[in-house]
Amino acid sequence: MSRVVINKPQPLEARFAKERDQLQVVFGARLRELRTSHNLTLEMLAERADLHANYVGAVERGERNLTLFNIWRIAGALGLPTTDLVNELPMRKVKRTGTS
């Protein structure tokens, strides 16, 4: 009998990876907009959020897929509710299945 590995991340299908990448770019642009409107440098925001400046920079460039915990930390560092970071994200288009 083979063992089942529960927490092993599976690679995303190409179509989902593309969606994720686009979402990360939109989120990063929103974060940069909010950071600059608060007159904060990357280093200042990172220090307030207890994150590394390189990580925050990668988020702003759309290179990192954040956890909910880090979104919460960044929002707190900006003095904003988390909804202010995600309210500009596009709505996901979902295929409708036929229902009777």
N, C-alpha and C. Protein backbone atom coordinates (compact mmCIF):
# COMPACT_ATOMS: atom_id res chain seq x y z
N MET A 1 0.84 -1.18 0.00
CA MET A 1 0.00 0.00 0.00
C MET A 1 0.89 1.24 0.00
N SER A 2 0.59 2.20 -0.88
CA SER A 2 1.42 3.41 -0.96
C SER A 2 0.97 4.44 0.08
N ARG A 3 1.92 5.24 0.48
CA ARG A 3 1.64 6.30 1.46
C ARG A 3 1.07 7.52 0.75
N VAL A 4 0.18 8.18 1.39
CA VAL A 4 -0.40 9.41 0.86
C VAL A 4 0.26 10.58 1.58
N VAL A 5 0.85 11.49 0.81
CA VAL A 5 1.45 12.69 1.37
C VAL A 5 0.40 13.79 1.33
N ILE A 6 0.03 14.28 2.48
CA ILE A 6 -1.09 15.22 2.56
C ILE A 6 -0.68 16.66 2.24
N ASN A 7 0.40 17.13 2.80
CA ASN A 7 0.75 18.55 2.68
C ASN A 7 1.74 18.86 1.58
N LYS A 8 1.91 17.99 0.64
CA LYS A 8 2.84 18.25 -0.45
C LYS A 8 2.15 19.13 -1.49
N PRO A 9 2.68 20.35 -1.71
CA PRO A 9 2.03 21.23 -2.68
C PRO A 9 2.12 20.66 -4.09
N GLN A 10 1.04 20.77 -4.80
CA GLN A 10 0.98 20.30 -6.17
C GLN A 10 1.19 21.49 -7.11
N PRO A 11 1.88 21.27 -8.22
CA PRO A 11 2.07 22.38 -9.17
C PRO A 11 0.73 22.80 -9.76
N LEU A 12 0.61 24.09 -9.99
CA LEU A 12 -0.62 24.63 -10.57
C LEU A 12 -0.67 24.34 -12.06
N GLU A 13 -1.86 24.12 -12.57
CA GLU A 13 -2.04 24.03 -14.01
C GLU A 13 -1.69 25.39 -14.59
N ALA A 14 -1.26 25.42 -15.82
CA ALA A 14 -0.81 26.65 -16.46
C ALA A 14 -1.86 27.76 -16.40
N ARG A 15 -3.13 27.40 -16.61
CA ARG A 15 -4.18 28.43 -16.60
C ARG A 15 -4.34 29.05 -15.22
N PHE A 16 -4.17 28.25 -14.17
CA PHE A 16 -4.28 28.79 -12.82
C PHE A 16 -3.05 29.60 -12.46
N ALA A 17 -1.89 29.17 -12.92
CA ALA A 17 -0.66 29.92 -12.66
C ALA A 17 -0.74 31.30 -13.30
N LYS A 18 -1.33 31.37 -14.49
CA LYS A 18 -1.47 32.66 -15.17
C LYS A 18 -2.40 33.58 -14.37
N GLU A 19 -3.51 33.05 -13.89
CA GLU A 19 -4.43 33.84 -13.05
C GLU A 19 -3.73 34.34 -11.79
N ARG A 20 -2.99 33.43 -11.14
CA ARG A 20 -2.27 33.79 -9.92
C ARG A 20 -1.26 34.90 -10.19
N ASP A 21 -0.51 34.77 -11.28
CA ASP A 21 0.51 35.76 -11.62
C ASP A 21 -0.12 37.13 -11.88
N GLN A 22 -1.23 37.15 -12.60
CA GLN A 22 -1.91 38.42 -12.88
C GLN A 22 -2.44 39.04 -11.60
N LEU A 23 -2.99 38.24 -10.72
CA LEU A 23 -3.51 38.72 -9.45
C LEU A 23 -2.39 39.31 -8.59
N GLN A 24 -1.24 38.65 -8.57
CA GLN A 24 -0.12 39.14 -7.79
C GLN A 24 0.36 40.49 -8.30
N VAL A 25 0.35 40.69 -9.61
CA VAL A 25 0.77 41.98 -10.18
C VAL A 25 -0.21 43.08 -9.77
N VAL A 26 -1.50 42.80 -9.83
CA VAL A 26 -2.52 43.79 -9.44
C VAL A 26 -2.38 44.12 -7.96
N PHE A 27 -2.21 43.09 -7.13
CA PHE A 27 -2.05 43.31 -5.70
C PHE A 27 -0.80 44.14 -5.42
N GLY A 28 0.30 43.81 -6.08
CA GLY A 28 1.55 44.54 -5.88
C GLY A 28 1.44 46.00 -6.25
N ALA A 29 0.74 46.28 -7.34
CA ALA A 29 0.55 47.67 -7.75
C ALA A 29 -0.28 48.43 -6.72
N ARG A 30 -1.30 47.77 -6.20
CA ARG A 30 -2.14 48.39 -5.16
C ARG A 30 -1.33 48.66 -3.90
N LEU A 31 -0.49 47.71 -3.52
CA LEU A 31 0.34 47.89 -2.34
C LEU A 31 1.30 49.06 -2.53
N ARG A 32 1.95 49.15 -3.68
CA ARG A 32 2.87 50.26 -3.95
C ARG A 32 2.13 51.59 -3.89
N GLU A 33 0.93 51.63 -4.46
CA GLU A 33 0.13 52.85 -4.44
C GLU A 33 -0.18 53.28 -3.00
N LEU A 34 -0.59 52.34 -2.18
CA LEU A 34 -0.91 52.65 -0.79
C LEU A 34 0.34 53.04 0.00
N ARG A 35 1.44 52.34 -0.23
CA ARG A 35 2.68 52.64 0.48
C ARG A 35 3.17 54.05 0.17
N THR A 36 3.17 54.40 -1.12
CA THR A 36 3.66 55.73 -1.50
C THR A 36 2.70 56.83 -1.04
N SER A 37 1.40 56.53 -1.00
CA SER A 37 0.45 57.54 -0.53
C SER A 37 0.61 57.79 0.97
N HIS A 38 1.20 56.82 1.68
CA HIS A 38 1.49 56.98 3.11
C HIS A 38 2.91 57.50 3.33
N ASN A 39 3.59 57.87 2.22
CA ASN A 39 4.96 58.39 2.27
C ASN A 39 5.91 57.44 3.00
N LEU A 40 5.80 56.16 2.69
CA LEU A 40 6.67 55.15 3.30
C LEU A 40 7.61 54.58 2.25
N THR A 41 8.83 54.32 2.65
CA THR A 41 9.75 53.59 1.80
C THR A 41 9.47 52.10 1.98
N LEU A 42 10.04 51.29 1.09
CA LEU A 42 9.92 49.84 1.24
C LEU A 42 10.46 49.41 2.60
N GLU A 43 11.59 49.97 2.97
CA GLU A 43 12.23 49.59 4.23
C GLU A 43 11.35 49.96 5.43
N MET A 44 10.73 51.13 5.38
CA MET A 44 9.86 51.56 6.48
C MET A 44 8.66 50.63 6.61
N LEU A 45 8.02 50.31 5.50
CA LEU A 45 6.86 49.42 5.53
C LEU A 45 7.27 48.03 6.03
N ALA A 46 8.38 47.53 5.51
CA ALA A 46 8.85 46.21 5.90
C ALA A 46 9.13 46.15 7.41
N GLU A 47 9.76 47.18 7.92
CA GLU A 47 10.06 47.20 9.35
C GLU A 47 8.77 47.22 10.18
N ARG A 48 7.82 48.02 9.78
CA ARG A 48 6.55 48.08 10.51
C ARG A 48 5.79 46.77 10.46
N ALA A 49 5.92 46.04 9.36
CA ALA A 49 5.20 44.77 9.19
C ALA A 49 6.01 43.57 9.68
N ASP A 50 7.23 43.82 10.16
CA ASP A 50 8.13 42.73 10.57
C ASP A 50 8.40 41.76 9.43
N LEU A 51 8.63 42.34 8.25
CA LEU A 51 8.98 41.56 7.07
C LEU A 51 10.30 42.10 6.51
N HIS A 52 10.92 41.36 5.63
CA HIS A 52 12.16 41.81 5.00
C HIS A 52 11.82 42.73 3.84
N ALA A 53 12.62 43.78 3.65
CA ALA A 53 12.39 44.74 2.57
C ALA A 53 12.42 44.06 1.20
N ASN A 54 13.29 43.07 1.03
CA ASN A 54 13.34 42.35 -0.25
C ASN A 54 12.03 41.63 -0.53
N TYR A 55 11.42 41.09 0.51
CA TYR A 55 10.14 40.40 0.37
C TYR A 55 9.05 41.40 -0.05
N VAL A 56 8.99 42.54 0.62
CA VAL A 56 7.98 43.55 0.29
C VAL A 56 8.19 44.05 -1.15
N GLY A 57 9.44 44.23 -1.55
CA GLY A 57 9.72 44.64 -2.92
C GLY A 57 9.25 43.60 -3.93
N ALA A 58 9.48 42.33 -3.61
CA ALA A 58 9.03 41.25 -4.51
C ALA A 58 7.52 41.20 -4.58
N VAL A 59 6.84 41.50 -3.48
CA VAL A 59 5.37 41.55 -3.48
C VAL A 59 4.92 42.67 -4.41
N GLU A 60 5.52 43.84 -4.29
CA GLU A 60 5.12 44.97 -5.13
C GLU A 60 5.37 44.71 -6.61
N ARG A 61 6.37 43.90 -6.92
CA ARG A 61 6.66 43.55 -8.32
C ARG A 61 5.81 42.39 -8.82
N GLY A 62 4.97 41.83 -7.94
CA GLY A 62 4.11 40.72 -8.34
C GLY A 62 4.83 39.40 -8.40
N GLU A 63 5.95 39.28 -7.70
CA GLU A 63 6.75 38.06 -7.74
C GLU A 63 6.45 37.09 -6.60
N ARG A 64 5.70 37.51 -5.61
CA ARG A 64 5.43 36.68 -4.44
C ARG A 64 3.94 36.45 -4.26
N ASN A 65 3.59 35.24 -3.88
CA ASN A 65 2.22 34.90 -3.55
C ASN A 65 2.10 34.96 -2.03
N LEU A 66 1.46 35.99 -1.52
CA LEU A 66 1.39 36.22 -0.08
C LEU A 66 0.46 35.26 0.63
N THR A 67 0.75 35.08 1.90
CA THR A 67 -0.19 34.37 2.75
C THR A 67 -1.17 35.40 3.32
N LEU A 68 -2.28 34.91 3.78
CA LEU A 68 -3.26 35.78 4.43
C LEU A 68 -2.62 36.47 5.63
N PHE A 69 -1.77 35.77 6.35
CA PHE A 69 -1.08 36.32 7.52
C PHE A 69 -0.23 37.53 7.14
N ASN A 70 0.50 37.44 6.02
CA ASN A 70 1.34 38.57 5.61
C ASN A 70 0.53 39.72 5.06
N ILE A 71 -0.59 39.44 4.42
CA ILE A 71 -1.48 40.53 3.98
C ILE A 71 -1.97 41.28 5.21
N TRP A 72 -2.34 40.55 6.24
CA TRP A 72 -2.82 41.14 7.49
C TRP A 72 -1.73 41.99 8.14
N ARG A 73 -0.48 41.49 8.13
CA ARG A 73 0.64 42.23 8.71
C ARG A 73 0.90 43.53 7.94
N ILE A 74 0.87 43.46 6.63
CA ILE A 74 1.13 44.64 5.81
C ILE A 74 0.02 45.67 6.00
N ALA A 75 -1.22 45.22 6.02
CA ALA A 75 -2.34 46.14 6.24
C ALA A 75 -2.18 46.85 7.58
N GLY A 76 -1.82 46.11 8.61
CA GLY A 76 -1.61 46.71 9.93
C GLY A 76 -0.50 47.73 9.91
N ALA A 77 0.56 47.43 9.17
CA ALA A 77 1.69 48.36 9.07
C ALA A 77 1.28 49.65 8.37
N LEU A 78 0.31 49.57 7.47
CA LEU A 78 -0.21 50.76 6.79
C LEU A 78 -1.31 51.44 7.59
N GLY A 79 -1.75 50.80 8.66
CA GLY A 79 -2.84 51.35 9.46
C GLY A 79 -4.19 51.26 8.76
N LEU A 80 -4.33 50.21 7.95
CA LEU A 80 -5.55 50.03 7.15
C LEU A 80 -6.18 48.68 7.44
N PRO A 81 -7.49 48.56 7.20
CA PRO A 81 -8.09 47.22 7.25
C PRO A 81 -7.61 46.41 6.05
N THR A 82 -7.57 45.11 6.19
CA THR A 82 -7.09 44.27 5.09
C THR A 82 -7.92 44.45 3.82
N THR A 83 -9.18 44.81 3.98
CA THR A 83 -10.03 44.99 2.80
C THR A 83 -9.50 46.08 1.89
N ASP A 84 -8.82 47.08 2.45
CA ASP A 84 -8.26 48.15 1.61
C ASP A 84 -7.16 47.64 0.69
N LEU A 85 -6.53 46.54 1.04
CA LEU A 85 -5.50 45.97 0.18
C LEU A 85 -6.08 45.10 -0.93
N VAL A 86 -7.22 44.51 -0.67
CA VAL A 86 -7.75 43.54 -1.64
C VAL A 86 -9.00 44.01 -2.37
N ASN A 87 -9.56 45.15 -2.01
CA ASN A 87 -10.82 45.56 -2.63
C ASN A 87 -10.68 45.94 -4.10
N GLU A 88 -9.47 46.17 -4.58
CA GLU A 88 -9.26 46.51 -5.99
C GLU A 88 -8.98 45.27 -6.85
N LEU A 89 -8.92 44.11 -6.23
CA LEU A 89 -8.63 42.90 -7.00
C LEU A 89 -9.81 42.57 -7.90
N PRO A 90 -9.53 42.09 -9.11
CA PRO A 90 -10.62 41.76 -10.03
C PRO A 90 -11.41 40.55 -9.56
N MET A 91 -12.67 40.53 -9.90
CA MET A 91 -13.53 39.39 -9.59
C MET A 91 -13.12 38.23 -10.48
N ARG A 92 -13.05 37.05 -9.92
CA ARG A 92 -12.68 35.88 -10.70
C ARG A 92 -13.86 35.44 -11.55
N LYS A 93 -13.56 35.16 -12.81
CA LYS A 93 -14.58 34.66 -13.72
C LYS A 93 -14.66 33.14 -13.56
N VAL A 94 -15.84 32.67 -13.24
CA VAL A 94 -16.05 31.25 -13.00
C VAL A 94 -16.96 30.70 -14.07
N LYS A 95 -16.60 29.50 -14.56
CA LYS A 95 -17.46 28.84 -15.54
C LYS A 95 -18.77 28.46 -14.90
N ARG A 96 -19.85 28.76 -15.56
CA ARG A 96 -21.18 28.38 -15.09
C ARG A 96 -21.48 26.98 -15.60
N THR A 97 -21.95 26.15 -14.70
CA THR A 97 -22.36 24.81 -15.13
C THR A 97 -23.87 24.82 -15.31
N GLY A 98 -24.34 23.99 -16.17
CA GLY A 98 -25.77 23.92 -16.42
C GLY A 98 -26.52 23.42 -15.19
N THR A 99 -27.49 24.19 -14.75
CA THR A 99 -28.32 23.77 -13.64
C THR A 99 -29.76 23.73 -14.09
N SER A 100 -30.48 22.82 -13.55
CA SER A 100 -31.89 22.68 -13.96
C SER A 100 -32.79 23.44 -13.06
